[in-house]
Protein backbone atom coordinates (compact mmCIF):
# COMPACT_ATOMS: atom_id res chain seq x y z
CA UNK A 1 -15.02 83.75 -36.61
CA UNK A 2 -16.26 82.15 -33.38
CA UNK A 3 -17.79 79.32 -35.43
CA UNK A 4 -14.39 78.58 -37.01
CA UNK A 5 -12.62 78.53 -33.63
CA UNK A 6 -15.25 76.24 -32.12
CA UNK A 7 -15.12 73.94 -35.19
CA UNK A 8 -11.30 73.90 -35.11
CA UNK A 9 -11.35 73.10 -31.37
CA UNK A 10 -13.81 70.22 -31.91
CA UNK A 11 -11.76 68.79 -34.78
CA UNK A 12 -8.58 69.06 -32.68
CA UNK A 13 -10.30 67.37 -29.74
CA UNK A 14 -11.54 64.55 -31.97
CA UNK A 15 -8.05 64.09 -33.41
CA UNK A 16 -6.45 63.95 -29.95
CA UNK A 17 -9.13 61.51 -28.73
CA UNK A 18 -8.52 59.16 -31.67
CA UNK A 19 -4.78 59.14 -31.03
CA UNK A 20 -5.25 58.38 -27.33
CA UNK A 21 -7.69 55.54 -28.06
CA UNK A 22 -5.36 54.07 -30.63
CA UNK A 23 -2.41 54.01 -28.25
CA UNK A 24 -4.32 52.11 -25.55
CA UNK A 25 -5.49 49.30 -27.86
CA UNK A 26 -3.12 46.31 -27.75
CA UNK A 27 -1.41 45.32 -30.94
CA UNK A 28 -2.97 42.49 -32.90
CA UNK A 29 -0.67 39.71 -34.13
CA UNK A 30 -1.40 37.92 -37.34
CA UNK A 31 -0.05 34.63 -35.88
CA UNK A 32 -1.05 33.23 -32.48
CA UNK A 33 1.65 33.58 -29.85
CA UNK A 34 2.24 30.51 -27.67
CA UNK A 35 4.23 30.65 -24.46
CA UNK A 36 5.78 27.42 -23.21
CA UNK A 37 5.20 26.82 -19.51
CA UNK A 38 8.35 27.37 -17.50
CA UNK A 39 9.55 24.33 -15.59
CA UNK A 40 10.71 25.52 -12.23
CA UNK A 41 13.80 23.79 -10.88
CA UNK A 42 14.17 23.80 -7.10
CA UNK A 43 17.15 22.41 -5.18
CA UNK A 44 15.89 19.92 -2.61
CA UNK A 45 17.81 19.84 0.69
CA UNK A 46 18.36 16.33 2.05
CA UNK A 47 19.93 14.37 4.89
CA UNK A 48 21.66 11.03 4.33
CA UNK A 49 20.18 8.09 6.20
CA UNK A 50 22.62 6.03 8.21
CA UNK A 51 22.56 2.63 9.88
CA UNK A 52 19.94 0.96 7.69
CA UNK A 53 20.17 -2.00 5.30
CA UNK A 54 18.09 -3.23 2.35
CA UNK A 55 16.02 -6.28 3.24
CA UNK A 56 16.80 -9.49 1.36
CA UNK A 57 13.26 -9.84 0.04
CA UNK A 58 13.24 -6.41 -1.66
CA UNK A 59 12.85 -6.77 -5.44
CA UNK A 60 16.17 -7.25 -7.23
CA UNK A 61 16.72 -4.79 -10.11
CA UNK A 62 19.28 -2.46 -11.60
CA UNK A 63 19.71 0.89 -9.88
CA UNK A 64 16.26 2.22 -9.03
CA UNK A 65 14.82 5.25 -7.28
CA UNK A 66 11.90 4.90 -4.88
CA UNK A 67 9.95 7.58 -2.99
CA UNK A 68 8.81 6.22 0.39
CA UNK A 69 6.07 8.20 2.12
CA UNK A 70 5.09 6.04 5.12
CA UNK A 71 6.60 3.93 7.89
CA UNK A 72 4.87 0.80 6.53
CA UNK A 73 6.43 1.28 3.07
CA UNK A 74 9.81 1.97 4.67
CA UNK A 75 9.74 -1.22 6.72
CA UNK A 76 9.07 -3.28 3.56
CA UNK A 77 12.38 -2.05 2.12
CA UNK A 78 14.72 -1.26 5.04
CA UNK A 79 15.82 -2.79 8.31
CA UNK A 80 17.67 -0.96 11.10
CA UNK A 81 21.36 -1.74 11.61
CA UNK A 82 22.29 -0.14 14.92
CA UNK A 83 25.95 -0.26 15.92
CA UNK A 84 27.91 0.62 19.05
CA UNK A 85 29.02 4.20 19.66
CA UNK A 86 27.65 7.72 19.51
CA UNK A 87 26.79 7.51 15.79
CA UNK A 88 25.37 3.98 16.00
CA UNK A 89 21.68 4.79 16.05
CA UNK A 90 19.71 4.74 12.80
CA UNK A 91 18.66 8.17 11.52
CA UNK A 92 15.29 9.15 12.99
CA UNK A 93 12.50 9.61 10.43
CA UNK A 94 9.20 11.43 11.00
CA UNK A 95 6.89 10.45 8.13
CA UNK A 96 4.37 13.14 9.11
CA UNK A 97 6.83 15.79 7.86
CA UNK A 98 9.43 13.81 5.86
CA UNK A 99 9.75 11.36 2.95
CA UNK A 100 12.62 9.06 2.04
CA UNK A 101 14.15 8.84 -1.42
CA UNK A 102 15.88 5.46 -1.74
CA UNK A 103 18.44 4.88 -4.51
CA UNK A 104 18.95 1.12 -4.52
CA UNK A 105 21.40 -0.81 -6.66
CA UNK A 106 21.54 -4.45 -7.69
CA UNK A 107 23.32 -7.05 -5.56
CA UNK A 108 26.99 -7.16 -6.54
CA UNK A 109 30.34 -8.55 -5.46
CA UNK A 110 32.02 -5.25 -6.41
CA UNK A 111 32.92 -2.62 -3.81
CA UNK A 112 31.07 0.27 -5.45
CA UNK A 113 30.31 3.57 -3.75
CA UNK A 114 27.10 5.35 -4.69
CA UNK A 115 27.20 9.13 -4.07
CA UNK A 116 24.32 11.60 -4.46
CA UNK A 117 25.54 14.94 -5.81
CA UNK A 118 22.24 16.82 -5.54
CA UNK A 119 18.46 16.49 -5.71
CA UNK A 120 16.20 18.85 -7.64
CA UNK A 121 12.44 19.14 -7.93
CA UNK A 122 11.68 19.65 -11.63
CA UNK A 123 8.02 19.81 -12.61
CA UNK A 124 6.44 16.65 -11.19
CA UNK A 125 9.73 14.78 -10.75
CA UNK A 126 12.49 14.52 -8.18
CA UNK A 127 15.75 14.35 -10.11
CA UNK A 128 18.60 12.69 -8.22
CA UNK A 129 22.04 13.37 -9.71
CA UNK A 130 24.46 10.68 -8.60
CA UNK A 131 27.84 9.16 -9.33
CA UNK A 132 29.30 5.70 -8.78
CA UNK A 133 32.89 5.09 -7.79
CA UNK A 134 33.80 1.59 -8.89
CA UNK A 135 35.88 -0.41 -6.45
CA UNK A 136 37.53 -3.80 -6.31
CA UNK A 137 35.99 -7.26 -6.21
CA UNK A 138 34.82 -8.51 -2.80
CA UNK A 139 34.59 -12.06 -1.46
CA UNK A 140 30.89 -11.46 -0.65
CA UNK A 141 27.91 -9.74 -2.22
CA UNK A 142 26.19 -6.60 -1.02
CA UNK A 143 23.60 -4.15 -2.20
CA UNK A 144 24.61 -0.51 -2.59
CA UNK A 145 22.04 2.10 -1.67
CA UNK A 146 21.68 5.66 -0.50
CA UNK A 147 18.70 6.83 1.54
CA UNK A 148 17.83 10.52 1.51
CA UNK A 149 15.56 12.22 4.00
CA UNK A 150 13.60 15.10 2.39
CA UNK A 151 10.79 17.41 3.43
CA UNK A 152 7.27 16.06 2.72
CA UNK A 153 6.55 19.01 0.40
CA UNK A 154 8.88 17.44 -2.20
CA UNK A 155 7.08 14.62 -3.99
CA UNK A 156 6.97 13.12 -7.46
CA UNK A 157 8.43 10.36 -9.56
CA UNK A 158 12.12 9.74 -8.77
CA UNK A 159 14.47 10.04 -11.76
CA UNK A 160 18.09 8.97 -11.41
CA UNK A 161 20.67 10.80 -13.53
CA UNK A 162 24.29 9.57 -13.57
CA UNK A 163 26.88 12.36 -13.63
């Protein structure tokens, strides 16, 4: 009788052990499972630059986005346009902690207003969502642009998206 109880206990223990082992083994899939990498989208805070102008020798092109990371690069594109009054000084830029995103349009005789709605860091790109309010014809030509001051941690190719 003792032999039967011991044998029954061993068989029960083996059965329980097999069930526990089976439950801890991960399931096997017949097809490989692929997970697409998630592209994180981060809103980039920015400050508008004021009292600057695009230099005449900057390359003429349709609306373009440029990331400027140094004072030397900045001075190739922009000149300061100080005016009288409390708000007449150009926006201060510290290229050790900040970059500039420049959205520069073509020279035109139309009074167009370029507005940046938001900037997002998506993967390796800085996506600038903008809109253009078309105005009336002017008797002179000008070049529309918007300069955005952003933290140096936001870098990448600038992509312009019209909303």
